[in-house]
Amino acid sequence: MIDQTIAQASFAELLRRWDVQQDIYIEQRERVFTVMFDVLEQLCPQPGLTVLDLACGPGAISERFLRRFPEGRAVALDTDPVLLAIGEGGLGDQGGRLRWVRADLRDPSWAERLGPEFGEGSFDAVLSSTALHWLTPPALTAVYRTAAGLLRPGGVLVNADYLPLPAGSRLRAACEAIDRGRQQHAIEAGAEPWEDWWAAVEAHPALADAVAERQTLWPAGARDWTGATLDYHQAALVEAGLTEVGVVWQDLEERVLVAIR
């Protein structure tokens, strides 16, 4: 049995390393979060915002949101048992302001896992970062439709993610080549890559059960993103009933896409 204080500290260290590792793949990651919250502040200026951190991973959005908005509340939802364990172990419930929910966005009933207090029109914002590209286009469309229903009138959906150009385009190829060069430069400078971070996680004794469960969900080689294009995301948001859909920031094919209910 690992002492709880020691486990919390080790989870906090994994969270720190997660942020450093993610910076390899999203070079201006902290800028992305700043833009996300700047937009939220302008479009939803009231205090005490309640947001849904969709496909939250270990809670990067929630952690930063609660720091930026001291009266806010966040619900962090994901299906990955390992990332949820690290996030909840390292961040806790932030004095009752952060709730963790496990649900699979590929399940059409995922919103029911939020509980009866979070029904239609419950959230001021739905926020997501570097996650929804894992969904197939049909699943993405369904998620956007459900997320739109969870927003109050005037609420916003903000997705900061890899939203690529059409496959086969010269611009997409150029962006991907530049991105690969950036990643290689960061790794050569000593940054810890995705594979090494996961190796450390899998060796962590307090995460053994969660790792074993994760391996049953995604056997080796069974998970790969499908990468719906930017145009598809925009069309799916409009189809979901959201308006004023547009990109407010981008770096190559990393973009912050906003839609208003």
Protein backbone atom coordinates (compact mmCIF):
# COMPACT_ATOMS: atom_id res chain seq x y z
CA MET A 1 0.00 0.00 0.00
CA ILE A 2 1.44 3.37 -1.06
CA ASP A 3 1.02 6.24 1.39
CA GLN A 4 -1.65 8.63 0.07
CA THR A 5 0.55 11.71 0.47
CA ILE A 6 3.37 10.04 -1.47
CA ALA A 7 0.95 8.88 -4.17
CA GLN A 8 -0.50 12.38 -4.54
CA ALA A 9 2.96 13.87 -4.89
CA SER A 10 3.95 11.30 -7.49
CA PHE A 11 0.74 11.95 -9.43
CA ALA A 12 1.45 15.67 -9.32
CA GLU A 13 4.89 14.96 -10.76
CA LEU A 14 3.33 12.89 -13.55
CA LEU A 15 1.01 15.81 -14.28
CA ARG A 16 4.00 18.15 -14.51
CA ARG A 17 5.75 15.74 -16.86
CA TRP A 18 2.55 15.38 -18.88
CA ASP A 19 2.54 19.13 -19.54
CA VAL A 20 6.18 19.10 -20.62
CA GLN A 21 5.57 16.10 -22.88
CA GLN A 22 2.52 17.71 -24.48
CA ASP A 23 4.53 20.81 -25.28
CA ILE A 24 6.47 18.70 -27.79
CA TYR A 25 3.35 18.16 -29.85
CA ILE A 26 1.59 21.50 -29.32
CA GLU A 27 4.40 24.03 -29.38
CA GLN A 28 2.27 26.96 -28.13
CA ARG A 29 0.10 24.93 -25.76
CA GLU A 30 -0.09 27.47 -22.94
CA ARG A 31 -1.01 30.14 -25.46
CA VAL A 32 -3.86 27.89 -26.61
CA PHE A 33 -5.28 27.76 -23.08
CA THR A 34 -4.93 31.52 -22.69
CA VAL A 35 -6.84 32.15 -25.91
CA MET A 36 -9.52 29.64 -24.90
CA PHE A 37 -10.13 31.43 -21.59
CA ASP A 38 -9.86 34.91 -23.11
CA VAL A 39 -12.68 33.99 -25.52
CA LEU A 40 -14.70 32.48 -22.68
CA GLU A 41 -14.27 35.62 -20.60
CA GLN A 42 -15.54 37.80 -23.44
CA LEU A 43 -18.51 35.64 -24.44
CA CYS A 44 -19.54 34.52 -20.93
CA PRO A 45 -18.55 37.43 -18.66
CA GLN A 46 -20.66 36.43 -15.65
CA PRO A 47 -18.91 35.09 -12.52
CA GLY A 48 -19.30 31.53 -11.33
CA LEU A 49 -19.09 29.79 -14.70
CA THR A 50 -19.76 26.06 -14.89
CA VAL A 51 -17.84 24.26 -17.62
CA LEU A 52 -17.59 20.74 -18.98
CA ASP A 53 -14.01 19.63 -19.68
CA LEU A 54 -14.74 17.16 -22.45
CA ALA A 55 -12.29 14.27 -22.94
CA CYS A 56 -10.31 15.86 -20.12
CA GLY A 57 -7.33 13.50 -19.88
CA PRO A 58 -5.58 14.33 -16.60
CA GLY A 59 -7.43 17.65 -16.32
CA ALA A 60 -5.19 20.26 -17.96
CA ILE A 61 -8.12 22.48 -18.93
CA SER A 62 -9.87 22.13 -15.58
CA GLU A 63 -6.74 22.95 -13.59
CA ARG A 64 -6.09 26.12 -15.57
CA PHE A 65 -9.75 27.13 -15.76
CA LEU A 66 -10.19 26.97 -11.98
CA ARG A 67 -7.03 29.01 -11.49
CA ARG A 68 -8.19 31.65 -13.99
CA PHE A 69 -11.81 31.74 -12.76
CA PRO A 70 -11.77 31.49 -8.93
CA GLU A 71 -15.57 31.31 -8.69
CA GLY A 72 -15.91 28.70 -11.45
CA ARG A 73 -16.75 25.01 -11.34
CA ALA A 74 -15.62 22.29 -13.72
CA VAL A 75 -16.77 18.78 -14.54
CA ALA A 76 -13.94 16.73 -16.06
CA LEU A 77 -15.06 13.77 -18.20
CA ASP A 78 -12.97 11.07 -19.87
CA THR A 79 -12.95 7.31 -20.41
CA ASP A 80 -9.22 6.65 -19.88
CA PRO A 81 -8.82 5.07 -16.40
CA VAL A 82 -5.12 5.94 -16.20
CA LEU A 83 -5.42 9.62 -17.08
CA LEU A 84 -8.42 10.02 -14.77
CA ALA A 85 -6.52 8.37 -11.91
CA ILE A 86 -3.54 10.67 -12.41
CA GLY A 87 -5.70 13.77 -12.72
CA GLU A 88 -7.89 13.05 -9.73
CA GLY A 89 -4.91 11.83 -7.70
CA GLY A 90 -2.88 14.93 -8.45
CA LEU A 91 -5.57 17.62 -8.48
CA GLY A 92 -8.26 16.25 -6.16
CA ASP A 93 -11.59 18.04 -6.21
CA GLN A 94 -10.16 21.56 -5.79
CA GLY A 95 -12.24 22.28 -2.70
CA GLY A 96 -15.43 20.91 -4.26
CA ARG A 97 -15.07 22.91 -7.47
CA LEU A 98 -13.91 19.99 -9.64
CA ARG A 99 -15.85 16.81 -10.29
CA TRP A 100 -14.46 13.80 -12.15
CA VAL A 101 -16.71 11.64 -14.33
CA ARG A 102 -15.84 8.54 -16.29
CA ALA A 103 -17.76 8.12 -19.54
CA ASP A 104 -17.00 7.03 -23.11
CA LEU A 105 -17.91 9.63 -25.72
CA ARG A 106 -18.50 6.84 -28.22
CA ASP A 107 -21.45 5.72 -26.09
CA PRO A 108 -24.53 7.73 -27.20
CA SER A 109 -25.68 7.93 -23.56
CA TRP A 110 -22.44 9.41 -22.24
CA ALA A 111 -24.09 12.60 -20.95
CA GLU A 112 -26.24 10.57 -18.56
CA ARG A 113 -23.08 9.81 -16.56
CA LEU A 114 -22.92 13.48 -15.60
CA GLY A 115 -25.79 12.94 -13.17
CA PRO A 116 -29.28 14.43 -12.91
CA GLU A 117 -28.00 17.86 -11.87
CA PHE A 118 -26.31 18.31 -15.25
CA GLY A 119 -28.99 18.08 -17.89
CA GLU A 120 -29.92 20.22 -20.86
CA GLY A 121 -28.68 23.79 -20.60
CA SER A 122 -26.51 23.15 -17.52
CA PHE A 123 -23.15 24.44 -18.74
CA ASP A 124 -21.86 27.86 -19.67
CA ALA A 125 -19.16 26.26 -21.78
CA VAL A 126 -17.97 22.95 -23.14
CA LEU A 127 -14.17 22.96 -23.48
CA SER A 128 -11.88 20.38 -25.06
CA SER A 129 -8.22 20.21 -25.99
CA THR A 130 -6.19 17.75 -28.06
CA ALA A 131 -8.72 14.95 -27.71
CA LEU A 132 -11.64 14.88 -30.13
CA HIS A 133 -9.41 13.97 -33.08
CA TRP A 134 -9.53 10.41 -31.70
CA LEU A 135 -13.23 10.16 -32.62
CA THR A 136 -14.51 8.91 -35.96
CA PRO A 137 -16.43 11.59 -37.90
CA PRO A 138 -19.86 10.04 -37.15
CA ALA A 139 -19.04 9.80 -33.43
CA LEU A 140 -17.75 13.38 -33.47
CA THR A 141 -21.02 14.61 -35.00
CA ALA A 142 -23.03 12.84 -32.29
CA VAL A 143 -20.80 14.26 -29.52
CA TYR A 144 -21.20 17.80 -30.83
CA ARG A 145 -24.97 17.36 -30.97
CA THR A 146 -25.11 16.16 -27.36
CA ALA A 147 -22.67 18.83 -26.16
CA ALA A 148 -24.75 21.56 -27.81
CA GLY A 149 -27.76 20.41 -25.82
CA LEU A 150 -25.82 20.67 -22.57
CA LEU A 151 -25.06 24.35 -23.20
CA ARG A 152 -27.28 27.12 -21.94
CA PRO A 153 -28.47 29.67 -24.57
CA GLY A 154 -25.49 31.87 -25.32
CA GLY A 155 -23.06 29.25 -24.05
CA VAL A 156 -19.93 28.40 -26.01
CA LEU A 157 -18.13 25.32 -27.20
CA VAL A 158 -14.38 25.68 -27.59
CA ASN A 159 -12.31 22.91 -29.14
CA ALA A 160 -8.55 23.38 -29.25
CA ASP A 161 -7.25 20.51 -31.32
CA TYR A 162 -5.52 19.15 -34.38
CA LEU A 163 -8.00 20.17 -37.08
CA PRO A 164 -6.26 19.31 -40.34
CA LEU A 165 -6.64 20.36 -43.94
CA PRO A 166 -7.92 17.75 -46.42
CA ALA A 167 -5.74 14.68 -46.86
CA GLY A 168 -3.45 14.85 -49.88
CA SER A 169 -3.23 18.64 -50.00
CA ARG A 170 0.19 20.24 -50.39
CA LEU A 171 -0.52 22.64 -47.55
CA ARG A 172 -1.30 19.76 -45.20
CA ALA A 173 1.90 18.00 -46.19
CA ALA A 174 3.90 21.17 -45.58
CA CYS A 175 2.31 21.68 -42.15
CA GLU A 176 2.99 18.08 -41.16
CA ALA A 177 6.64 18.35 -42.22
CA ILE A 178 7.13 21.52 -40.19
CA ASP A 179 5.43 19.90 -37.19
CA ARG A 180 7.64 16.80 -37.38
CA GLY A 181 10.71 19.02 -37.44
CA ARG A 182 9.56 20.91 -34.36
CA GLN A 183 8.89 17.69 -32.47
CA GLN A 184 12.27 16.25 -33.37
CA HIS A 185 14.01 19.44 -32.29
CA ALA A 186 12.25 19.38 -28.91
CA ILE A 187 13.11 15.72 -28.30
CA GLU A 188 16.75 16.28 -29.28
CA ALA A 189 16.81 19.16 -26.78
CA GLY A 190 15.87 16.70 -24.03
CA ALA A 191 12.07 16.81 -23.83
CA GLU A 192 10.39 13.59 -22.72
CA PRO A 193 8.36 12.08 -25.59
CA TRP A 194 4.92 10.45 -25.37
CA GLU A 195 6.30 6.90 -25.32
CA ASP A 196 8.71 7.58 -22.44
CA TRP A 197 6.01 9.27 -20.35
CA TRP A 198 3.72 6.29 -20.79
CA ALA A 199 6.54 3.91 -19.89
CA ALA A 200 6.93 5.75 -16.57
CA VAL A 201 3.17 5.60 -15.99
CA GLU A 202 3.03 1.87 -16.69
CA ALA A 203 5.80 1.28 -14.14
CA HIS A 204 3.98 3.21 -11.39
CA PRO A 205 2.76 0.72 -8.75
CA ALA A 206 -0.30 2.77 -7.77
CA LEU A 207 -1.52 2.72 -11.38
CA ALA A 208 -1.15 -0.99 -12.06
CA ASP A 209 -4.88 -1.76 -12.02
CA ALA A 210 -5.76 1.27 -14.14
CA VAL A 211 -3.03 0.41 -16.65
CA ALA A 212 -4.29 -3.17 -16.93
CA GLU A 213 -7.83 -1.92 -17.56
CA ARG A 214 -6.62 0.58 -20.13
CA GLN A 215 -4.80 -2.17 -22.02
CA THR A 216 -8.08 -4.08 -22.36
CA LEU A 217 -9.76 -0.97 -23.76
CA TRP A 218 -7.03 -0.22 -26.29
CA PRO A 219 -4.84 -3.23 -27.07
CA ALA A 220 -1.43 -2.42 -28.50
CA GLY A 221 -1.76 -0.96 -31.97
CA ALA A 222 -5.56 -0.77 -31.84
CA ARG A 223 -5.90 2.98 -31.36
CA ASP A 224 -5.22 5.59 -33.98
CA TRP A 225 -6.78 8.95 -34.68
CA THR A 226 -9.03 9.51 -37.65
CA GLY A 227 -8.51 13.26 -37.76
CA ALA A 228 -11.75 14.76 -39.10
CA THR A 229 -10.84 17.85 -41.11
CA LEU A 230 -11.43 21.43 -40.06
CA ASP A 231 -14.28 21.69 -42.58
CA TYR A 232 -15.93 18.61 -41.09
CA HIS A 233 -15.72 20.00 -37.55
CA GLN A 234 -17.25 23.29 -38.64
CA ALA A 235 -20.07 21.59 -40.54
CA ALA A 236 -20.79 19.24 -37.61
CA LEU A 237 -21.05 22.16 -35.19
CA VAL A 238 -23.50 23.96 -37.46
CA GLU A 239 -25.50 20.74 -37.86
CA ALA A 240 -25.63 20.50 -34.05
CA GLY A 241 -27.41 23.86 -33.95
CA LEU A 242 -24.49 26.07 -32.95
CA THR A 243 -23.81 29.41 -34.61
CA GLU A 244 -20.95 31.81 -35.33
CA VAL A 245 -18.59 28.90 -35.81
CA GLY A 246 -15.05 30.02 -36.46
CA VAL A 247 -11.33 29.64 -35.80
CA VAL A 248 -10.01 32.28 -33.40
CA TRP A 249 -6.38 31.09 -33.27
CA GLN A 250 -4.15 28.69 -35.13
CA ASP A 251 -0.60 27.50 -35.54
CA LEU A 252 -0.22 25.24 -38.57
CA GLU A 253 -3.08 22.74 -38.10
CA GLU A 254 -3.50 23.28 -34.36
CA ARG A 255 -6.54 25.51 -34.02
CA VAL A 256 -8.94 26.94 -31.46
CA LEU A 257 -12.44 26.54 -32.88
CA VAL A 258 -15.35 28.33 -31.19
CA ALA A 259 -19.11 27.96 -31.62
CA ILE A 260 -21.95 29.72 -29.80
CA ARG A 261 -25.33 28.28 -28.89
